Amino acid sequence: LAAGRLEAEGDVFHVSVQQLDAAIKESSFDLRAAVTPNRATYARAKSAKSCPMLIDSRGRILKPNLVEGEPGALVGAAISPGVASGRVRVCTCSTDPIAPGEVLVAIVT
């Protein structure tokens, strides 16, 4: 920041380790130019209305085949194996309280 090579402290997270190494070795390496496309990608991801449930190693978004449930049934993809029972807690915010014995239901964890 003091040298003017980055605009903000968080910009360091918008470059790769290889780009940081190049910037350390060569003072003429343009870190601002390396940050710009990654900052745009981050802004686009941050503005998304939902988070994909599954992304494969090639970056493809996979959508599980969910079946329709009975009226009032919660249908989704389980993250943990096994069977659970208990009072369901539907969380829409990371600060929602969860009591012992409750089953967490969330869009994404």
N, C-alpha and C. Protein backbone atom coordinates (compact mmCIF):
# COMPACT_ATOMS: atom_id res chain seq x y z
N LEU A 1 0.82 -1.19 0.00
CA LEU A 1 0.00 0.00 0.00
C LEU A 1 0.87 1.26 0.00
N ALA A 2 1.87 1.26 0.84
CA ALA A 2 2.72 2.45 0.95
C ALA A 2 3.42 2.75 -0.37
N ALA A 3 3.76 1.71 -1.12
CA ALA A 3 4.44 1.90 -2.40
C ALA A 3 3.46 2.20 -3.53
N GLY A 4 2.15 2.11 -3.23
CA GLY A 4 1.14 2.41 -4.25
C GLY A 4 0.90 1.29 -5.24
N ARG A 5 1.34 0.11 -4.91
CA ARG A 5 1.17 -1.01 -5.85
C ARG A 5 -0.20 -1.66 -5.73
N LEU A 6 -0.89 -1.43 -4.60
CA LEU A 6 -2.26 -1.91 -4.39
C LEU A 6 -3.10 -0.75 -3.90
N GLU A 7 -4.41 -0.81 -4.20
CA GLU A 7 -5.32 0.25 -3.76
C GLU A 7 -5.83 0.05 -2.34
N ALA A 8 -6.08 -1.19 -1.95
CA ALA A 8 -6.66 -1.48 -0.64
C ALA A 8 -6.01 -2.73 -0.05
N GLU A 9 -6.05 -2.86 1.28
CA GLU A 9 -5.45 -4.01 1.95
C GLU A 9 -6.02 -5.33 1.44
N GLY A 10 -7.31 -5.39 1.21
CA GLY A 10 -7.95 -6.62 0.75
C GLY A 10 -7.55 -7.04 -0.65
N ASP A 11 -6.92 -6.16 -1.41
CA ASP A 11 -6.54 -6.51 -2.78
C ASP A 11 -5.55 -7.66 -2.85
N VAL A 12 -4.82 -7.89 -1.78
CA VAL A 12 -3.86 -8.99 -1.77
C VAL A 12 -4.57 -10.34 -1.96
N PHE A 13 -5.85 -10.40 -1.59
CA PHE A 13 -6.60 -11.64 -1.75
C PHE A 13 -7.13 -11.84 -3.17
N HIS A 14 -6.93 -10.85 -4.03
CA HIS A 14 -7.39 -10.94 -5.42
C HIS A 14 -6.27 -11.29 -6.37
N VAL A 15 -5.12 -11.70 -5.85
CA VAL A 15 -4.01 -12.13 -6.70
C VAL A 15 -3.56 -13.52 -6.27
N SER A 16 -2.93 -14.23 -7.17
CA SER A 16 -2.45 -15.58 -6.85
C SER A 16 -1.09 -15.51 -6.15
N VAL A 17 -0.69 -16.61 -5.57
CA VAL A 17 0.62 -16.69 -4.93
C VAL A 17 1.71 -16.45 -5.97
N GLN A 18 1.50 -16.99 -7.18
CA GLN A 18 2.49 -16.81 -8.24
C GLN A 18 2.62 -15.32 -8.61
N GLN A 19 1.49 -14.61 -8.64
CA GLN A 19 1.54 -13.18 -8.95
C GLN A 19 2.24 -12.41 -7.83
N LEU A 20 2.01 -12.78 -6.59
CA LEU A 20 2.70 -12.14 -5.47
C LEU A 20 4.20 -12.39 -5.55
N ASP A 21 4.58 -13.63 -5.86
CA ASP A 21 6.00 -13.95 -6.02
C ASP A 21 6.63 -13.10 -7.12
N ALA A 22 5.92 -12.97 -8.24
CA ALA A 22 6.43 -12.17 -9.35
C ALA A 22 6.57 -10.70 -8.95
N ALA A 23 5.62 -10.20 -8.17
CA ALA A 23 5.66 -8.81 -7.72
C ALA A 23 6.81 -8.57 -6.75
N ILE A 24 7.13 -9.56 -5.93
CA ILE A 24 8.25 -9.43 -4.99
C ILE A 24 9.57 -9.43 -5.74
N LYS A 25 9.69 -10.31 -6.74
CA LYS A 25 10.94 -10.43 -7.50
C LYS A 25 11.15 -9.25 -8.45
N GLU A 26 10.07 -8.72 -9.00
CA GLU A 26 10.17 -7.67 -10.02
C GLU A 26 9.28 -6.49 -9.64
N SER A 27 9.88 -5.38 -9.27
CA SER A 27 9.11 -4.22 -8.82
C SER A 27 8.26 -3.61 -9.93
N SER A 28 8.54 -3.95 -11.17
CA SER A 28 7.73 -3.40 -12.27
C SER A 28 6.46 -4.22 -12.54
N PHE A 29 6.30 -5.36 -11.83
CA PHE A 29 5.10 -6.18 -12.01
C PHE A 29 3.89 -5.37 -11.57
N ASP A 30 2.89 -5.26 -12.43
CA ASP A 30 1.71 -4.42 -12.17
C ASP A 30 0.66 -5.19 -11.36
N LEU A 31 0.72 -5.05 -10.05
CA LEU A 31 -0.24 -5.74 -9.18
C LEU A 31 -1.66 -5.23 -9.39
N ARG A 32 -1.82 -3.93 -9.64
CA ARG A 32 -3.15 -3.37 -9.85
C ARG A 32 -3.83 -4.03 -11.05
N ALA A 33 -3.06 -4.27 -12.11
CA ALA A 33 -3.63 -4.91 -13.30
C ALA A 33 -4.01 -6.37 -13.00
N ALA A 34 -3.25 -7.03 -12.12
CA ALA A 34 -3.56 -8.42 -11.76
C ALA A 34 -4.81 -8.48 -10.88
N VAL A 35 -5.03 -7.46 -10.07
CA VAL A 35 -6.17 -7.42 -9.16
C VAL A 35 -7.49 -7.19 -9.89
N THR A 36 -7.49 -6.32 -10.88
CA THR A 36 -8.73 -5.85 -11.51
C THR A 36 -9.67 -6.96 -11.97
N PRO A 37 -9.25 -7.95 -12.77
CA PRO A 37 -10.22 -8.97 -13.21
C PRO A 37 -10.72 -9.84 -12.05
N ASN A 38 -9.86 -10.09 -11.08
CA ASN A 38 -10.27 -10.93 -9.95
C ASN A 38 -11.23 -10.19 -9.03
N ARG A 39 -11.04 -8.89 -8.88
CA ARG A 39 -11.96 -8.10 -8.07
C ARG A 39 -13.34 -8.09 -8.72
N ALA A 40 -13.39 -8.01 -10.04
CA ALA A 40 -14.67 -8.04 -10.76
C ALA A 40 -15.37 -9.39 -10.57
N THR A 41 -14.61 -10.47 -10.63
CA THR A 41 -15.18 -11.80 -10.41
C THR A 41 -15.72 -11.92 -8.99
N TYR A 42 -14.98 -11.41 -8.03
CA TYR A 42 -15.42 -11.44 -6.63
C TYR A 42 -16.71 -10.64 -6.45
N ALA A 43 -16.78 -9.47 -7.04
CA ALA A 43 -17.99 -8.64 -6.92
C ALA A 43 -19.20 -9.34 -7.52
N ARG A 44 -18.99 -10.02 -8.66
CA ARG A 44 -20.08 -10.74 -9.30
C ARG A 44 -20.56 -11.90 -8.42
N ALA A 45 -19.63 -12.64 -7.82
CA ALA A 45 -19.99 -13.75 -6.94
C ALA A 45 -20.68 -13.25 -5.68
N LYS A 46 -20.22 -12.14 -5.16
CA LYS A 46 -20.80 -11.58 -3.93
C LYS A 46 -22.24 -11.11 -4.14
N SER A 47 -22.56 -10.70 -5.36
CA SER A 47 -23.91 -10.20 -5.64
C SER A 47 -24.90 -11.31 -6.00
N ALA A 48 -24.42 -12.56 -6.06
CA ALA A 48 -25.30 -13.68 -6.42
C ALA A 48 -26.40 -13.83 -5.37
N LYS A 49 -27.58 -14.16 -5.83
CA LYS A 49 -28.73 -14.31 -4.95
C LYS A 49 -28.75 -15.68 -4.25
N SER A 50 -28.04 -16.65 -4.82
CA SER A 50 -27.97 -17.97 -4.21
C SER A 50 -26.58 -18.55 -4.42
N CYS A 51 -26.29 -19.56 -3.65
CA CYS A 51 -25.00 -20.23 -3.73
C CYS A 51 -25.22 -21.62 -4.31
N PRO A 52 -24.43 -22.03 -5.31
CA PRO A 52 -24.61 -23.37 -5.87
C PRO A 52 -24.37 -24.45 -4.82
N MET A 53 -25.15 -25.51 -4.89
CA MET A 53 -24.99 -26.62 -3.93
C MET A 53 -23.76 -27.45 -4.26
N LEU A 54 -23.49 -27.67 -5.54
CA LEU A 54 -22.38 -28.52 -5.95
C LEU A 54 -21.60 -27.87 -7.09
N ILE A 55 -20.29 -27.83 -6.97
CA ILE A 55 -19.42 -27.35 -8.04
C ILE A 55 -18.34 -28.40 -8.22
N ASP A 56 -18.15 -28.88 -9.45
CA ASP A 56 -17.14 -29.91 -9.66
C ASP A 56 -15.76 -29.28 -9.85
N SER A 57 -14.74 -30.11 -10.02
CA SER A 57 -13.37 -29.63 -10.11
C SER A 57 -13.10 -28.78 -11.34
N ARG A 58 -13.99 -28.80 -12.32
CA ARG A 58 -13.84 -27.97 -13.52
C ARG A 58 -14.62 -26.67 -13.41
N GLY A 59 -15.27 -26.45 -12.26
CA GLY A 59 -16.03 -25.23 -12.06
C GLY A 59 -17.46 -25.30 -12.57
N ARG A 60 -17.90 -26.48 -13.01
CA ARG A 60 -19.28 -26.62 -13.48
C ARG A 60 -20.22 -26.69 -12.28
N ILE A 61 -21.33 -26.00 -12.38
CA ILE A 61 -22.34 -26.03 -11.33
C ILE A 61 -23.28 -27.20 -11.59
N LEU A 62 -23.36 -28.11 -10.63
CA LEU A 62 -24.20 -29.30 -10.75
C LEU A 62 -25.45 -29.10 -9.92
N LYS A 63 -26.56 -29.51 -10.47
CA LYS A 63 -27.83 -29.39 -9.76
C LYS A 63 -28.35 -30.78 -9.45
N PRO A 64 -28.49 -31.11 -8.15
CA PRO A 64 -28.97 -32.46 -7.80
C PRO A 64 -30.42 -32.64 -8.23
N ASN A 65 -30.77 -33.89 -8.50
CA ASN A 65 -32.14 -34.22 -8.85
C ASN A 65 -32.98 -34.31 -7.57
N LEU A 66 -33.69 -33.26 -7.27
CA LEU A 66 -34.53 -33.23 -6.08
C LEU A 66 -35.94 -33.65 -6.46
N VAL A 67 -36.52 -34.47 -5.63
CA VAL A 67 -37.89 -34.92 -5.89
C VAL A 67 -38.86 -34.07 -5.09
N GLU A 68 -40.08 -33.97 -5.60
CA GLU A 68 -41.13 -33.22 -4.89
C GLU A 68 -41.53 -34.02 -3.65
N GLY A 69 -41.71 -33.32 -2.56
CA GLY A 69 -42.14 -33.98 -1.33
C GLY A 69 -43.61 -33.74 -1.08
N GLU A 70 -44.10 -34.32 -0.01
CA GLU A 70 -45.48 -34.09 0.39
C GLU A 70 -45.64 -32.63 0.80
N PRO A 71 -46.85 -32.10 0.75
CA PRO A 71 -47.06 -30.71 1.18
C PRO A 71 -46.52 -30.50 2.60
N GLY A 72 -45.73 -29.45 2.76
CA GLY A 72 -45.14 -29.15 4.06
C GLY A 72 -43.81 -29.83 4.31
N ALA A 73 -43.38 -30.73 3.42
CA ALA A 73 -42.11 -31.44 3.60
C ALA A 73 -40.96 -30.58 3.11
N LEU A 74 -39.83 -30.64 3.81
CA LEU A 74 -38.61 -29.95 3.38
C LEU A 74 -37.81 -30.92 2.53
N VAL A 75 -37.46 -30.51 1.32
CA VAL A 75 -36.72 -31.37 0.40
C VAL A 75 -35.41 -30.69 0.08
N GLY A 76 -34.31 -31.45 0.11
CA GLY A 76 -33.00 -30.88 -0.20
C GLY A 76 -31.95 -31.96 -0.27
N ALA A 77 -30.71 -31.53 -0.23
CA ALA A 77 -29.58 -32.45 -0.28
C ALA A 77 -28.90 -32.46 1.08
N ALA A 78 -28.79 -33.62 1.67
CA ALA A 78 -28.14 -33.75 2.98
C ALA A 78 -26.63 -33.60 2.82
N ILE A 79 -26.03 -32.91 3.74
CA ILE A 79 -24.58 -32.74 3.72
C ILE A 79 -23.90 -33.84 4.52
N SER A 80 -24.51 -34.27 5.60
CA SER A 80 -23.94 -35.32 6.44
C SER A 80 -24.68 -36.64 6.21
N PRO A 81 -23.95 -37.75 6.23
CA PRO A 81 -24.62 -39.04 6.04
C PRO A 81 -25.40 -39.43 7.29
N GLY A 82 -26.34 -40.32 7.12
CA GLY A 82 -27.09 -40.84 8.26
C GLY A 82 -28.48 -40.28 8.35
N VAL A 83 -29.14 -40.62 9.43
CA VAL A 83 -30.51 -40.19 9.68
C VAL A 83 -30.52 -39.40 10.97
N ALA A 84 -31.25 -38.30 10.95
CA ALA A 84 -31.36 -37.47 12.15
C ALA A 84 -32.82 -37.21 12.44
N SER A 85 -33.12 -37.00 13.68
CA SER A 85 -34.47 -36.61 14.04
C SER A 85 -34.38 -35.54 15.11
N GLY A 86 -35.35 -34.71 15.14
CA GLY A 86 -35.37 -33.63 16.11
C GLY A 86 -36.15 -32.46 15.57
N ARG A 87 -36.22 -31.42 16.34
CA ARG A 87 -36.91 -30.22 15.90
C ARG A 87 -36.07 -29.54 14.81
N VAL A 88 -36.71 -29.13 13.74
CA VAL A 88 -36.01 -28.50 12.62
C VAL A 88 -35.85 -27.01 12.89
N ARG A 89 -34.64 -26.51 12.67
CA ARG A 89 -34.37 -25.07 12.76
C ARG A 89 -33.97 -24.59 11.37
N VAL A 90 -34.84 -23.79 10.74
CA VAL A 90 -34.55 -23.22 9.43
C VAL A 90 -33.79 -21.93 9.67
N CYS A 91 -32.55 -21.88 9.21
CA CYS A 91 -31.69 -20.72 9.42
C CYS A 91 -31.54 -19.93 8.12
N THR A 92 -31.74 -18.64 8.21
CA THR A 92 -31.56 -17.78 7.05
C THR A 92 -30.39 -16.83 7.25
N CYS A 93 -29.77 -16.88 8.42
CA CYS A 93 -28.65 -15.99 8.75
C CYS A 93 -27.66 -16.76 9.62
N SER A 94 -26.38 -16.47 9.46
CA SER A 94 -25.36 -17.19 10.22
C SER A 94 -25.43 -16.93 11.71
N THR A 95 -26.17 -15.91 12.12
CA THR A 95 -26.28 -15.60 13.55
C THR A 95 -27.54 -16.20 14.19
N ASP A 96 -28.37 -16.91 13.41
CA ASP A 96 -29.56 -17.56 13.97
C ASP A 96 -29.13 -18.57 15.02
N PRO A 97 -29.78 -18.57 16.19
CA PRO A 97 -29.40 -19.52 17.24
C PRO A 97 -29.87 -20.94 16.92
N ILE A 98 -29.08 -21.92 17.34
CA ILE A 98 -29.44 -23.33 17.18
C ILE A 98 -29.29 -23.98 18.54
N ALA A 99 -30.34 -24.65 18.99
CA ALA A 99 -30.32 -25.30 20.30
C ALA A 99 -29.85 -26.75 20.15
N PRO A 100 -29.28 -27.31 21.20
CA PRO A 100 -28.86 -28.72 21.15
C PRO A 100 -30.05 -29.61 20.76
N GLY A 101 -29.80 -30.56 19.86
CA GLY A 101 -30.83 -31.49 19.42
C GLY A 101 -31.61 -31.03 18.22
N GLU A 102 -31.44 -29.77 17.81
CA GLU A 102 -32.16 -29.29 16.63
C GLU A 102 -31.44 -29.71 15.36
N VAL A 103 -32.19 -29.89 14.29
CA VAL A 103 -31.65 -30.26 12.99
C VAL A 103 -31.57 -28.99 12.15
N LEU A 104 -30.35 -28.67 11.71
CA LEU A 104 -30.11 -27.46 10.94
C LEU A 104 -30.62 -27.62 9.50
N VAL A 105 -31.41 -26.65 9.04
CA VAL A 105 -31.83 -26.58 7.65
C VAL A 105 -31.42 -25.20 7.16
N ALA A 106 -30.62 -25.16 6.10
CA ALA A 106 -30.14 -23.88 5.56
C ALA A 106 -29.98 -23.99 4.06
N ILE A 107 -29.97 -22.83 3.40
CA ILE A 107 -29.74 -22.83 1.95
C ILE A 107 -28.36 -23.37 1.66
N VAL A 108 -27.38 -22.91 2.43
CA VAL A 108 -26.00 -23.37 2.28
C VAL A 108 -25.31 -23.19 3.62
N THR A 109 -24.35 -24.07 3.91
CA THR A 109 -23.58 -23.92 5.16
C THR A 109 -22.13 -23.68 4.85
